[in-house]
């Protein structure tokens, strides 16, 4: 399963570049989210959505049939492994400082990995 996480790792790395290269100062007010907690929760939601899309795509490409519980366990295991390897650290930092409501809503509305990538490229302009 680890070797199949490479596409997700590459996407997360590229997505972190879309969120902006300069972090905002720690004391800068957020013009996009009213609280830091809202921004943090939005980043976590987006991260979970990314993992779900890539896990679902993998399951489909492999022709696997998983019930809801098995699919949830697969996603959780994949996410835990990626977190253990530090894959999400850069994403979390850049997301926190660069996520906008538009990028969040576009990303969360994506139903495929291709749609997600296209959405993030478009919204980064």
PDB file of N, CA and C in Angstrom:
ATOM      1  N   UNK A   1       0.833  -1.190   0.000  1.00  0.00           N
ATOM      2  CA  UNK A   1       0.000   0.000   0.000  1.00  0.00           C
ATOM      3  C   UNK A   1       0.873   1.247   0.000  1.00  0.00           C
ATOM      4  N   UNK A   2       2.031   1.210   0.648  1.00  0.00           N
ATOM      5  CA  UNK A   2       2.895   2.379   0.744  1.00  0.00           C
ATOM      6  C   UNK A   2       3.342   2.846  -0.633  1.00  0.00           C
ATOM      7  N   UNK A   3       3.729   1.919  -1.512  1.00  0.00           N
ATOM      8  CA  UNK A   3       4.217   2.318  -2.820  1.00  0.00           C
ATOM      9  C   UNK A   3       3.128   3.002  -3.635  1.00  0.00           C
ATOM     10  N   UNK A   4       1.886   2.756  -3.326  1.00  0.00           N
ATOM     11  CA  UNK A   4       0.781   3.385  -4.045  1.00  0.00           C
ATOM     12  C   UNK A   4       0.453   4.765  -3.500  1.00  0.00           C
ATOM     13  N   UNK A   5       1.111   5.150  -2.432  1.00  0.00           N
ATOM     14  CA  UNK A   5       0.885   6.471  -1.859  1.00  0.00           C
ATOM     15  C   UNK A   5       1.680   7.544  -2.591  1.00  0.00           C
ATOM     16  N   UNK A   6       2.593   7.153  -3.475  1.00  0.00           N
ATOM     17  CA  UNK A   6       3.418   8.124  -4.186  1.00  0.00           C
ATOM     18  C   UNK A   6       2.595   9.160  -4.942  1.00  0.00           C
ATOM     19  N   UNK A   7       1.536   8.793  -5.699  1.00  0.00           N
ATOM     20  CA  UNK A   7       0.758   9.827  -6.378  1.00  0.00           C
ATOM     21  C   UNK A   7       0.145  10.830  -5.399  1.00  0.00           C
ATOM     22  N   UNK A   8      -0.304  10.359  -4.261  1.00  0.00           N
ATOM     23  CA  UNK A   8      -0.868  11.265  -3.275  1.00  0.00           C
ATOM     24  C   UNK A   8       0.210  12.180  -2.726  1.00  0.00           C
ATOM     25  N   UNK A   9       1.384  11.637  -2.453  1.00  0.00           N
ATOM     26  CA  UNK A   9       2.476  12.454  -1.942  1.00  0.00           C
ATOM     27  C   UNK A   9       2.834  13.546  -2.949  1.00  0.00           C
ATOM     28  N   UNK A  10       2.931  13.186  -4.227  1.00  0.00           N
ATOM     29  CA  UNK A  10       3.260  14.170  -5.246  1.00  0.00           C
ATOM     30  C   UNK A  10       2.194  15.249  -5.340  1.00  0.00           C
ATOM     31  N   UNK A  11       0.933  14.848  -5.219  1.00  0.00           N
ATOM     32  CA  UNK A  11      -0.124  15.844  -5.276  1.00  0.00           C
ATOM     33  C   UNK A  11      -0.069  16.782  -4.078  1.00  0.00           C
ATOM     34  N   UNK A  12       0.106  16.217  -2.892  1.00  0.00           N
ATOM     35  CA  UNK A  12       0.154  17.042  -1.689  1.00  0.00           C
ATOM     36  C   UNK A  12       1.321  18.011  -1.779  1.00  0.00           C
ATOM     37  N   UNK A  13       2.451  17.548  -2.287  1.00  0.00           N
ATOM     38  CA  UNK A  13       3.610  18.429  -2.438  1.00  0.00           C
ATOM     39  C   UNK A  13       3.297  19.550  -3.423  1.00  0.00           C
ATOM     40  N   UNK A  14       2.635  19.226  -4.529  1.00  0.00           N
ATOM     41  CA  UNK A  14       2.305  20.271  -5.498  1.00  0.00           C
ATOM     42  C   UNK A  14       1.224  21.196  -4.965  1.00  0.00           C
ATOM     43  N   UNK A  15       0.289  20.665  -4.211  1.00  0.00           N
ATOM     44  CA  UNK A  15      -0.763  21.497  -3.645  1.00  0.00           C
ATOM     45  C   UNK A  15      -0.192  22.488  -2.651  1.00  0.00           C
ATOM     46  N   UNK A  16       0.818  22.075  -1.913  1.00  0.00           N
ATOM     47  CA  UNK A  16       1.395  23.008  -0.943  1.00  0.00           C
ATOM     48  C   UNK A  16       2.000  24.205  -1.656  1.00  0.00           C
ATOM     49  N   UNK A  17       2.491  24.008  -2.870  1.00  0.00           N
ATOM     50  CA  UNK A  17       2.990  25.132  -3.637  1.00  0.00           C
ATOM     51  C   UNK A  17       1.878  26.047  -4.097  1.00  0.00           C
ATOM     52  N   UNK A  18       0.686  25.530  -4.292  1.00  0.00           N
ATOM     53  CA  UNK A  18      -0.448  26.338  -4.738  1.00  0.00           C
ATOM     54  C   UNK A  18      -0.965  27.252  -3.641  1.00  0.00           C
ATOM     55  N   UNK A  19      -0.692  26.905  -2.413  1.00  0.00           N
ATOM     56  CA  UNK A  19      -1.264  27.665  -1.309  1.00  0.00           C
ATOM     57  C   UNK A  19      -0.525  28.947  -1.022  1.00  0.00           C
ATOM     58  N   UNK A  20       0.584  29.175  -1.679  1.00  0.00           N
ATOM     59  CA  UNK A  20       1.312  30.407  -1.469  1.00  0.00           C
ATOM     60  C   UNK A  20       2.690  30.108  -0.931  1.00  0.00           C
ATOM     61  N   UNK A  21       3.667  30.874  -1.389  1.00  0.00           N
ATOM     62  CA  UNK A  21       5.030  30.562  -0.993  1.00  0.00           C
ATOM     63  C   UNK A  21       5.465  31.268   0.277  1.00  0.00           C
ATOM     64  N   UNK A  22       4.862  32.388   0.620  1.00  0.00           N
ATOM     65  CA  UNK A  22       5.258  33.124   1.809  1.00  0.00           C
ATOM     66  C   UNK A  22       4.223  32.979   2.903  1.00  0.00           C
ATOM     67  N   UNK A  23       4.608  32.441   4.049  1.00  0.00           N
ATOM     68  CA  UNK A  23       3.644  32.400   5.137  1.00  0.00           C
ATOM     69  C   UNK A  23       3.385  33.799   5.670  1.00  0.00           C
ATOM     70  N   UNK A  24       2.177  34.023   6.094  1.00  0.00           N
ATOM     71  CA  UNK A  24       1.828  35.311   6.684  1.00  0.00           C
ATOM     72  C   UNK A  24       2.424  35.390   8.080  1.00  0.00           C
ATOM     73  N   UNK A  25       2.698  36.597   8.547  1.00  0.00           N
ATOM     74  CA  UNK A  25       3.186  36.718   9.919  1.00  0.00           C
ATOM     75  C   UNK A  25       2.179  36.123  10.890  1.00  0.00           C
ATOM     76  N   UNK A  26       2.676  35.594  11.989  1.00  0.00           N
ATOM     77  CA  UNK A  26       1.794  34.932  12.947  1.00  0.00           C
ATOM     78  C   UNK A  26       0.741  35.868  13.522  1.00  0.00           C
ATOM     79  N   UNK A  27       1.047  37.150  13.600  1.00  0.00           N
ATOM     80  CA  UNK A  27       0.081  38.073  14.189  1.00  0.00           C
ATOM     81  C   UNK A  27      -0.803  38.751  13.141  1.00  0.00           C
ATOM     82  N   UNK A  28      -0.667  38.361  11.858  1.00  0.00           N
ATOM     83  CA  UNK A  28      -1.491  38.960  10.812  1.00  0.00           C
ATOM     84  C   UNK A  28      -2.915  38.435  10.916  1.00  0.00           C
ATOM     85  N   UNK A  29      -3.902  39.328  10.864  1.00  0.00           N
ATOM     86  CA  UNK A  29      -5.290  38.858  10.941  1.00  0.00           C
ATOM     87  C   UNK A  29      -5.673  38.125   9.668  1.00  0.00           C
ATOM     88  N   UNK A  30      -6.535  37.152   9.800  1.00  0.00           N
ATOM     89  CA  UNK A  30      -7.006  36.390   8.654  1.00  0.00           C
ATOM     90  C   UNK A  30      -8.158  37.138   8.004  1.00  0.00           C
ATOM     91  N   UNK A  31      -7.960  37.510   6.736  1.00  0.00           N
ATOM     92  CA  UNK A  31      -9.018  38.212   6.015  1.00  0.00           C
ATOM     93  C   UNK A  31     -10.018  37.226   5.413  1.00  0.00           C
ATOM     94  N   UNK A  32      -9.683  35.955   5.397  1.00  0.00           N
ATOM     95  CA  UNK A  32     -10.520  34.983   4.726  1.00  0.00           C
ATOM     96  C   UNK A  32     -11.363  34.139   5.679  1.00  0.00           C
ATOM     97  N   UNK A  33     -10.872  33.877   6.850  1.00  0.00           N
ATOM     98  CA  UNK A  33     -11.583  33.097   7.858  1.00  0.00           C
ATOM     99  C   UNK A  33     -11.606  33.947   9.120  1.00  0.00           C
ATOM    100  N   UNK A  34     -12.693  33.903   9.853  1.00  0.00           N
ATOM    101  CA  UNK A  34     -12.810  34.793  11.008  1.00  0.00           C
ATOM    102  C   UNK A  34     -11.987  34.343  12.205  1.00  0.00           C
ATOM    103  N   UNK A  35     -11.660  33.046  12.295  1.00  0.00           N
ATOM    104  CA  UNK A  35     -10.830  32.572  13.400  1.00  0.00           C
ATOM    105  C   UNK A  35      -9.777  31.597  12.881  1.00  0.00           C
ATOM    106  N   UNK A  36      -8.703  31.468  13.638  1.00  0.00           N
ATOM    107  CA  UNK A  36      -7.670  30.491  13.296  1.00  0.00           C
ATOM    108  C   UNK A  36      -8.240  29.077  13.351  1.00  0.00           C
ATOM    109  N   UNK A  37      -9.158  28.846  14.270  1.00  0.00           N
ATOM    110  CA  UNK A  37      -9.773  27.529  14.388  1.00  0.00           C
ATOM    111  C   UNK A  37     -10.544  27.163  13.117  1.00  0.00           C
ATOM    112  N   UNK A  38     -11.253  28.130  12.530  1.00  0.00           N
ATOM    113  CA  UNK A  38     -11.978  27.873  11.288  1.00  0.00           C
ATOM    114  C   UNK A  38     -11.012  27.513  10.163  1.00  0.00           C
ATOM    115  N   UNK A  39      -9.909  28.244  10.073  1.00  0.00           N
ATOM    116  CA  UNK A  39      -8.911  27.978   9.043  1.00  0.00           C
ATOM    117  C   UNK A  39      -8.300  26.589   9.248  1.00  0.00           C
ATOM    118  N   UNK A  40      -7.960  26.250  10.481  1.00  0.00           N
ATOM    119  CA  UNK A  40      -7.371  24.955  10.779  1.00  0.00           C
ATOM    120  C   UNK A  40      -8.343  23.825  10.430  1.00  0.00           C
ATOM    121  N   UNK A  41      -9.598  23.981  10.794  1.00  0.00           N
ATOM    122  CA  UNK A  41     -10.599  22.956  10.498  1.00  0.00           C
ATOM    123  C   UNK A  41     -10.805  22.819   8.982  1.00  0.00           C
ATOM    124  N   UNK A  42     -10.791  23.941   8.267  1.00  0.00           N
ATOM    125  CA  UNK A  42     -10.940  23.891   6.812  1.00  0.00           C
ATOM    126  C   UNK A  42      -9.769  23.134   6.185  1.00  0.00           C
ATOM    127  N   UNK A  43      -8.561  23.361   6.671  1.00  0.00           N
ATOM    128  CA  UNK A  43      -7.394  22.640   6.150  1.00  0.00           C
ATOM    129  C   UNK A  43      -7.490  21.148   6.445  1.00  0.00           C
ATOM    130  N   UNK A  44      -7.939  20.803   7.620  1.00  0.00           N
ATOM    131  CA  UNK A  44      -8.096  19.385   7.967  1.00  0.00           C
ATOM    132  C   UNK A  44      -9.177  18.728   7.111  1.00  0.00           C
ATOM    133  N   UNK A  45     -10.276  19.438   6.875  1.00  0.00           N
ATOM    134  CA  UNK A  45     -11.341  18.923   5.996  1.00  0.00           C
ATOM    135  C   UNK A  45     -10.800  18.685   4.589  1.00  0.00           C
ATOM    136  N   UNK A  46     -10.058  19.651   4.075  1.00  0.00           N
ATOM    137  CA  UNK A  46      -9.514  19.532   2.734  1.00  0.00           C
ATOM    138  C   UNK A  46      -8.512  18.381   2.661  1.00  0.00           C
ATOM    139  N   UNK A  47      -7.684  18.250   3.666  1.00  0.00           N
ATOM    140  CA  UNK A  47      -6.721  17.146   3.717  1.00  0.00           C
ATOM    141  C   UNK A  47      -7.445  15.799   3.705  1.00  0.00           C
ATOM    142  N   UNK A  48      -8.485  15.658   4.515  1.00  0.00           N
ATOM    143  CA  UNK A  48      -9.270  14.417   4.543  1.00  0.00           C
ATOM    144  C   UNK A  48      -9.912  14.139   3.187  1.00  0.00           C
ATOM    145  N   UNK A  49     -10.412  15.192   2.553  1.00  0.00           N
ATOM    146  CA  UNK A  49     -11.052  15.042   1.241  1.00  0.00           C
ATOM    147  C   UNK A  49     -10.028  14.573   0.202  1.00  0.00           C
ATOM    148  N   UNK A  50      -8.825  15.130   0.248  1.00  0.00           N
ATOM    149  CA  UNK A  50      -7.763  14.728  -0.674  1.00  0.00           C
ATOM    150  C   UNK A  50      -7.448  13.247  -0.496  1.00  0.00           C
ATOM    151  N   UNK A  51      -7.273  12.821   0.744  1.00  0.00           N
ATOM    152  CA  UNK A  51      -6.982  11.409   1.016  1.00  0.00           C
ATOM    153  C   UNK A  51      -8.121  10.532   0.501  1.00  0.00           C
ATOM    154  N   UNK A  52      -9.350  10.930   0.752  1.00  0.00           N
ATOM    155  CA  UNK A  52     -10.504  10.140   0.308  1.00  0.00           C
ATOM    156  C   UNK A  52     -10.538  10.014  -1.207  1.00  0.00           C
ATOM    157  N   UNK A  53     -10.308  11.104  -1.922  1.00  0.00           N
ATOM    158  CA  UNK A  53     -10.330  11.050  -3.382  1.00  0.00           C
ATOM    159  C   UNK A  53      -9.256  10.115  -3.924  1.00  0.00           C
ATOM    160  N   UNK A  54      -8.043  10.238  -3.396  1.00  0.00           N
ATOM    161  CA  UNK A  54      -6.959   9.390  -3.893  1.00  0.00           C
ATOM    162  C   UNK A  54      -7.156   7.928  -3.482  1.00  0.00           C
ATOM    163  N   UNK A  55      -7.648   7.683  -2.296  1.00  0.00           N
ATOM    164  CA  UNK A  55      -7.911   6.304  -1.862  1.00  0.00           C
ATOM    165  C   UNK A  55      -9.015   5.683  -2.712  1.00  0.00           C
ATOM    166  N   UNK A  56     -10.074   6.432  -2.953  1.00  0.00           N
ATOM    167  CA  UNK A  56     -11.166   5.925  -3.787  1.00  0.00           C
ATOM    168  C   UNK A  56     -10.687   5.628  -5.204  1.00  0.00           C
ATOM    169  N   UNK A  57      -9.847   6.511  -5.738  1.00  0.00           N
ATOM    170  CA  UNK A  57      -9.316   6.296  -7.079  1.00  0.00           C
ATOM    171  C   UNK A  57      -8.458   5.022  -7.120  1.00  0.00           C
ATOM    172  N   UNK A  58      -7.645   4.814  -6.112  1.00  0.00           N
ATOM    173  CA  UNK A  58      -6.811   3.619  -6.042  1.00  0.00           C
ATOM    174  C   UNK A  58      -7.682   2.355  -5.988  1.00  0.00           C
ATOM    175  N   UNK A  59      -8.679   2.376  -5.133  1.00  0.00           N
ATOM    176  CA  UNK A  59      -9.575   1.222  -5.001  1.00  0.00           C
ATOM    177  C   UNK A  59     -10.237   0.914  -6.338  1.00  0.00           C
ATOM    178  N   UNK A  60     -10.699   1.938  -7.020  1.00  0.00           N
ATOM    179  CA  UNK A  60     -11.359   1.754  -8.312  1.00  0.00           C
ATOM    180  C   UNK A  60     -10.381   1.222  -9.358  1.00  0.00           C
ATOM    181  N   UNK A  61      -9.176   1.805  -9.433  1.00  0.00           N
ATOM    182  CA  UNK A  61      -8.187   1.354 -10.415  1.00  0.00           C
ATOM    183  C   UNK A  61      -7.776  -0.096 -10.186  1.00  0.00           C
ATOM    184  N   UNK A  62      -7.766  -0.530  -8.941  1.00  0.00           N
ATOM    185  CA  UNK A  62      -7.374  -1.893  -8.613  1.00  0.00           C
ATOM    186  C   UNK A  62      -8.532  -2.882  -8.764  1.00  0.00           C
ATOM    187  N   UNK A  63      -9.723  -2.362  -9.014  1.00  0.00           N
ATOM    188  CA  UNK A  63     -10.888  -3.218  -9.179  1.00  0.00           C
ATOM    189  C   UNK A  63     -11.330  -3.872  -7.880  1.00  0.00           C
ATOM    190  N   UNK A  64     -11.045  -3.230  -6.769  1.00  0.00           N
ATOM    191  CA  UNK A  64     -11.407  -3.782  -5.463  1.00  0.00           C
ATOM    192  C   UNK A  64     -12.859  -3.460  -5.133  1.00  0.00           C
ATOM    193  N   UNK A  65     -13.465  -4.327  -4.377  1.00  0.00           N
ATOM    194  CA  UNK A  65     -14.812  -4.089  -3.880  1.00  0.00           C
ATOM    195  C   UNK A  65     -14.722  -4.032  -2.363  1.00  0.00           C
ATOM    196  N   UNK A  66     -14.963  -2.861  -1.823  1.00  0.00           N
ATOM    197  CA  UNK A  66     -14.902  -2.673  -0.376  1.00  0.00           C
ATOM    198  C   UNK A  66     -16.239  -2.154   0.113  1.00  0.00           C
ATOM    199  N   UNK A  67     -16.680  -2.686   1.257  1.00  0.00           N
ATOM    200  CA  UNK A  67     -17.881  -2.104   1.851  1.00  0.00           C
ATOM    201  C   UNK A  67     -17.473  -0.805   2.550  1.00  0.00           C
ATOM    202  N   UNK A  68     -18.418  -0.086   3.064  1.00  0.00           N
ATOM    203  CA  UNK A  68     -18.143   1.216   3.683  1.00  0.00           C
ATOM    204  C   UNK A  68     -17.130   1.146   4.809  1.00  0.00           C
ATOM    205  N   UNK A  69     -17.240   0.134   5.625  1.00  0.00           N
ATOM    206  CA  UNK A  69     -16.322  -0.016   6.757  1.00  0.00           C
ATOM    207  C   UNK A  69     -14.903  -0.315   6.277  1.00  0.00           C
ATOM    208  N   UNK A  70     -14.782  -1.180   5.281  1.00  0.00           N
ATOM    209  CA  UNK A  70     -13.466  -1.509   4.728  1.00  0.00           C
ATOM    210  C   UNK A  70     -12.836  -0.289   4.047  1.00  0.00           C
ATOM    211  N   UNK A  71     -13.652   0.460   3.323  1.00  0.00           N
ATOM    212  CA  UNK A  71     -13.154   1.666   2.646  1.00  0.00           C
ATOM    213  C   UNK A  71     -12.671   2.687   3.675  1.00  0.00           C
ATOM    214  N   UNK A  72     -13.425   2.872   4.755  1.00  0.00           N
ATOM    215  CA  UNK A  72     -13.015   3.795   5.814  1.00  0.00           C
ATOM    216  C   UNK A  72     -11.699   3.344   6.459  1.00  0.00           C
ATOM    217  N   UNK A  73     -11.564   2.043   6.687  1.00  0.00           N
ATOM    218  CA  UNK A  73     -10.334   1.512   7.280  1.00  0.00           C
ATOM    219  C   UNK A  73      -9.151   1.715   6.330  1.00  0.00           C
ATOM    220  N   UNK A  74      -9.387   1.503   5.044  1.00  0.00           N
ATOM    221  CA  UNK A  74      -8.330   1.705   4.057  1.00  0.00           C
ATOM    222  C   UNK A  74      -7.881   3.163   4.046  1.00  0.00           C
ATOM    223  N   UNK A  75      -8.831   4.082   3.984  1.00  0.00           N
ATOM    224  CA  UNK A  75      -8.506   5.516   3.996  1.00  0.00           C
ATOM    225  C   UNK A  75      -7.751   5.896   5.265  1.00  0.00           C
ATOM    226  N   UNK A  76      -8.225   5.419   6.398  1.00  0.00           N
ATOM    227  CA  UNK A  76      -7.584   5.743   7.677  1.00  0.00           C
ATOM    228  C   UNK A  76      -6.156   5.224   7.731  1.00  0.00           C
ATOM    229  N   UNK A  77      -5.968   3.995   7.286  1.00  0.00           N
ATOM    230  CA  UNK A  77      -4.626   3.423   7.284  1.00  0.00           C
ATOM    231  C   UNK A  77      -3.685   4.174   6.373  1.00  0.00           C
ATOM    232  N   UNK A  78      -4.179   4.560   5.211  1.00  0.00           N
ATOM    233  CA  UNK A  78      -3.365   5.311   4.262  1.00  0.00           C
ATOM    234  C   UNK A  78      -3.013   6.677   4.856  1.00  0.00           C
ATOM    235  N   UNK A  79      -3.990   7.357   5.417  1.00  0.00           N
ATOM    236  CA  UNK A  79      -3.750   8.670   6.015  1.00  0.00           C
ATOM    237  C   UNK A  79      -2.764   8.579   7.180  1.00  0.00           C
ATOM    238  N   UNK A  80      -2.894   7.557   8.001  1.00  0.00           N
ATOM    239  CA  UNK A  80      -1.978   7.391   9.130  1.00  0.00           C
ATOM    240  C   UNK A  80      -0.551   7.172   8.649  1.00  0.00           C
ATOM    241  N   UNK A  81      -0.390   6.384   7.613  1.00  0.00           N
ATOM    242  CA  UNK A  81       0.951   6.132   7.076  1.00  0.00           C
ATOM    243  C   UNK A  81       1.552   7.412   6.487  1.00  0.00           C
ATOM    244  N   UNK A  82       0.751   8.165   5.758  1.00  0.00           N
ATOM    245  CA  UNK A  82       1.232   9.422   5.191  1.00  0.00           C
ATOM    246  C   UNK A  82       1.606  10.414   6.295  1.00  0.00           C
ATOM    247  N   UNK A  83       0.793  10.471   7.334  1.00  0.00           N
ATOM    248  CA  UNK A  83       1.090  11.362   8.461  1.00  0.00           C
ATOM    249  C   UNK A  83       2.365  10.914   9.174  1.00  0.00           C
ATOM    250  N   UNK A  84       2.520   9.619   9.353  1.00  0.00           N
ATOM    251  CA  UNK A  84       3.705   9.088  10.028  1.00  0.00           C
ATOM    252  C   UNK A  84       4.971   9.470   9.264  1.00  0.00           C
ATOM    253  N   UNK A  85       4.882   9.487   7.950  1.00  0.00           N
ATOM    254  CA  UNK A  85       6.035   9.832   7.118  1.00  0.00           C
ATOM    255  C   UNK A  85       6.227  11.340   6.991  1.00  0.00           C
ATOM    256  N   UNK A  86       5.332  12.132   7.542  1.00  0.00           N
ATOM    257  CA  UNK A  86       5.465  13.585   7.488  1.00  0.00           C
ATOM    258  C   UNK A  86       4.943  14.222   6.217  1.00  0.00           C
ATOM    259  N   UNK A  87       4.209  13.476   5.421  1.00  0.00           N
ATOM    260  CA  UNK A  87       3.719  13.968   4.134  1.00  0.00           C
ATOM    261  C   UNK A  87       2.849  15.209   4.282  1.00  0.00           C
ATOM    262  N   UNK A  88       2.073  15.280   5.338  1.00  0.00           N
ATOM    263  CA  UNK A  88       1.119  16.384   5.467  1.00  0.00           C
ATOM    264  C   UNK A  88       1.686  17.628   6.150  1.00  0.00           C
ATOM    265  N   UNK A  89       2.871  17.554   6.698  1.00  0.00           N
ATOM    266  CA  UNK A  89       3.399  18.707   7.439  1.00  0.00           C
ATOM    267  C   UNK A  89       3.488  19.963   6.586  1.00  0.00           C
ATOM    268  N   UNK A  90       4.084  19.855   5.404  1.00  0.00           N
ATOM    269  CA  UNK A  90       4.217  21.027   4.530  1.00  0.00           C
ATOM    270  C   UNK A  90       2.841  21.503   4.066  1.00  0.00           C
ATOM    271  N   UNK A  91       1.977  20.556   3.713  1.00  0.00           N
ATOM    272  CA  UNK A  91       0.630  20.919   3.288  1.00  0.00           C
ATOM    273  C   UNK A  91      -0.091  21.696   4.381  1.00  0.00           C
ATOM    274  N   UNK A  92      -0.027  21.207   5.610  1.00  0.00           N
ATOM    275  CA  UNK A  92      -0.732  21.856   6.714  1.00  0.00           C
ATOM    276  C   UNK A  92      -0.265  23.288   6.912  1.00  0.00           C
ATOM    277  N   UNK A  93       1.040  23.511   6.860  1.00  0.00           N
ATOM    278  CA  UNK A  93       1.556  24.866   7.061  1.00  0.00           C
ATOM    279  C   UNK A  93       1.134  25.793   5.927  1.00  0.00           C
ATOM    280  N   UNK A  94       1.326  25.356   4.676  1.00  0.00           N
ATOM    281  CA  UNK A  94       0.975  26.234   3.561  1.00  0.00           C
ATOM    282  C   UNK A  94      -0.536  26.421   3.463  1.00  0.00           C
ATOM    283  N   UNK A  95      -1.278  25.397   3.789  1.00  0.00           N
ATOM    284  CA  UNK A  95      -2.730  25.508   3.760  1.00  0.00           C
ATOM    285  C   UNK A  95      -3.204  26.542   4.771  1.00  0.00           C
ATOM    286  N   UNK A  96      -2.665  26.465   5.966  1.00  0.00           N
ATOM    287  CA  UNK A  96      -3.107  27.375   7.017  1.00  0.00           C
ATOM    288  C   UNK A  96      -2.910  28.827   6.608  1.00  0.00           C
ATOM    289  N   UNK A  97      -1.794  29.127   5.970  1.00  0.00           N
ATOM    290  CA  UNK A  97      -1.503  30.511   5.606  1.00  0.00           C
ATOM    291  C   UNK A  97      -2.052  30.925   4.250  1.00  0.00           C
ATOM    292  N   UNK A  98      -2.373  29.970   3.375  1.00  0.00           N
ATOM    293  CA  UNK A  98      -2.773  30.337   2.033  1.00  0.00           C
ATOM    294  C   UNK A  98      -4.175  29.940   1.610  1.00  0.00           C
ATOM    295  N   UNK A  99      -4.898  29.212   2.446  1.00  0.00           N
ATOM    296  CA  UNK A  99      -6.220  28.751   2.045  1.00  0.00           C
ATOM    297  C   UNK A  99      -7.225  29.899   2.043  1.00  0.00           C
ATOM    298  N   UNK A 100      -7.972  29.970   0.959  1.00  0.00           N
ATOM    299  CA  UNK A 100      -9.048  30.955   0.855  1.00  0.00           C
ATOM    300  C   UNK A 100     -10.376  30.197   0.839  1.00  0.00           C
ATOM    301  N   UNK A 101     -11.460  30.874   1.152  1.00  0.00           N
ATOM    302  CA  UNK A 101     -12.759  30.199   1.058  1.00  0.00           C
ATOM    303  C   UNK A 101     -13.035  29.662  -0.348  1.00  0.00           C
ATOM    304  N   UNK A 102     -12.643  30.403  -1.379  1.00  0.00           N
ATOM    305  CA  UNK A 102     -12.864  29.948  -2.750  1.00  0.00           C
ATOM    306  C   UNK A 102     -12.107  28.665  -3.054  1.00  0.00           C
ATOM    307  N   UNK A 103     -10.831  28.611  -2.672  1.00  0.00           N
ATOM    308  CA  UNK A 103     -10.019  27.418  -2.900  1.00  0.00           C
ATOM    309  C   UNK A 103     -10.577  26.249  -2.087  1.00  0.00           C
ATOM    310  N   UNK A 104     -10.995  26.527  -0.851  1.00  0.00           N
ATOM    311  CA  UNK A 104     -11.565  25.475  -0.005  1.00  0.00           C
ATOM    312  C   UNK A 104     -12.830  24.888  -0.642  1.00  0.00           C
ATOM    313  N   UNK A 105     -13.757  25.748  -1.036  1.00  0.00           N
ATOM    314  CA  UNK A 105     -15.021  25.274  -1.604  1.00  0.00           C
ATOM    315  C   UNK A 105     -14.807  24.560  -2.937  1.00  0.00           C
ATOM    316  N   UNK A 106     -13.908  25.069  -3.744  1.00  0.00           N
ATOM    317  CA  UNK A 106     -13.604  24.416  -5.016  1.00  0.00           C
ATOM    318  C   UNK A 106     -13.010  23.031  -4.763  1.00  0.00           C
ATOM    319  N   UNK A 107     -12.043  22.942  -3.865  1.00  0.00           N
ATOM    320  CA  UNK A 107     -11.415  21.656  -3.552  1.00  0.00           C
ATOM    321  C   UNK A 107     -12.397  20.664  -2.978  1.00  0.00           C
ATOM    322  N   UNK A 108     -13.236  21.114  -2.070  1.00  0.00           N
ATOM    323  CA  UNK A 108     -14.202  20.207  -1.439  1.00  0.00           C
ATOM    324  C   UNK A 108     -15.288  19.770  -2.410  1.00  0.00           C
ATOM    325  N   UNK A 109     -15.566  20.566  -3.441  1.00  0.00           N
ATOM    326  CA  UNK A 109     -16.587  20.202  -4.422  1.00  0.00           C
ATOM    327  C   UNK A 109     -16.053  19.218  -5.462  1.00  0.00           C
ATOM    328  N   UNK A 110     -14.736  19.057  -5.522  1.00  0.00           N
ATOM    329  CA  UNK A 110     -14.135  18.153  -6.497  1.00  0.00           C
ATOM    330  C   UNK A 110     -14.523  16.717  -6.201  1.00  0.00           C
ATOM    331  N   UNK A 111     -14.882  16.004  -7.241  1.00  0.00           N
ATOM    332  CA  UNK A 111     -15.304  14.602  -7.102  1.00  0.00           C
ATOM    333  C   UNK A 111     -14.241  13.627  -7.599  1.00  0.00           C
ATOM    334  N   UNK A 112     -13.227  14.140  -8.308  1.00  0.00           N
ATOM    335  CA  UNK A 112     -12.157  13.297  -8.830  1.00  0.00           C
ATOM    336  C   UNK A 112     -10.817  13.945  -8.522  1.00  0.00           C
ATOM    337  N   UNK A 113      -9.743  13.144  -8.602  1.00  0.00           N
ATOM    338  CA  UNK A 113      -8.415  13.706  -8.366  1.00  0.00           C
ATOM    339  C   UNK A 113      -8.045  14.688  -9.470  1.00  0.00           C
ATOM    340  N   UNK A 114      -8.423  14.396 -10.707  1.00  0.00           N
ATOM    341  CA  UNK A 114      -8.150  15.327 -11.801  1.00  0.00           C
ATOM    342  C   UNK A 114      -8.874  16.646 -11.585  1.00  0.00           C
ATOM    343  N   UNK A 115     -10.117  16.566 -11.132  1.00  0.00           N
ATOM    344  CA  UNK A 115     -10.879  17.780 -10.840  1.00  0.00           C
ATOM    345  C   UNK A 115     -10.249  18.576  -9.718  1.00  0.00           C
ATOM    346  N   UNK A 116      -9.751  17.884  -8.714  1.00  0.00           N
ATOM    347  CA  UNK A 116      -9.099  18.555  -7.589  1.00  0.00           C
ATOM    348  C   UNK A 116      -7.839  19.273  -8.038  1.00  0.00           C
ATOM    349  N   UNK A 117      -7.018  18.600  -8.826  1.00  0.00           N
ATOM    350  CA  UNK A 117      -5.778  19.207  -9.325  1.00  0.00           C
ATOM    351  C   UNK A 117      -6.104  20.426 -10.181  1.00  0.00           C
ATOM    352  N   UNK A 118      -7.066  20.285 -11.100  1.00  0.00           N
ATOM    353  CA  UNK A 118      -7.458  21.392 -11.951  1.00  0.00           C
ATOM    354  C   UNK A 118      -8.000  22.555 -11.126  1.00  0.00           C
ATOM    355  N   UNK A 119      -8.771  22.246 -10.141  1.00  0.00           N
ATOM    356  CA  UNK A 119      -9.345  23.273  -9.275  1.00  0.00           C
ATOM    357  C   UNK A 119      -8.252  24.047  -8.553  1.00  0.00           C
ATOM    358  N   UNK A 120      -7.277  23.354  -8.019  1.00  0.00           N
ATOM    359  CA  UNK A 120      -6.213  24.019  -7.281  1.00  0.00           C
ATOM    360  C   UNK A 120      -5.316  24.822  -8.202  1.00  0.00           C
ATOM    361  N   UNK A 121      -5.083  24.337  -9.408  1.00  0.00           N
ATOM    362  CA  UNK A 121      -4.290  25.114 -10.375  1.00  0.00           C
ATOM    363  C   UNK A 121      -5.023  26.376 -10.767  1.00  0.00           C
ATOM    364  N   UNK A 122      -6.316  26.246 -11.026  1.00  0.00           N
ATOM    365  CA  UNK A 122      -7.117  27.400 -11.431  1.00  0.00           C
ATOM    366  C   UNK A 122      -7.190  28.427 -10.314  1.00  0.00           C
ATOM    367  N   UNK A 123      -7.423  27.992  -9.113  1.00  0.00           N
ATOM    368  CA  UNK A 123      -7.608  28.931  -8.014  1.00  0.00           C
ATOM    369  C   UNK A 123      -6.296  29.541  -7.539  1.00  0.00           C
ATOM    370  N   UNK A 124      -5.150  28.975  -7.970  1.00  0.00           N
ATOM    371  CA  UNK A 124      -3.861  29.521  -7.570  1.00  0.00           C
ATOM    372  C   UNK A 124      -3.490  30.722  -8.414  1.00  0.00           C
ATOM    373  N   UNK A 125      -4.198  30.945  -9.506  1.00  0.00           N
ATOM    374  CA  UNK A 125      -3.870  32.067 -10.400  1.00  0.00           C
ATOM    375  C   UNK A 125      -4.406  33.356  -9.904  1.00  0.00           C
TER     376      UNK A 125
END
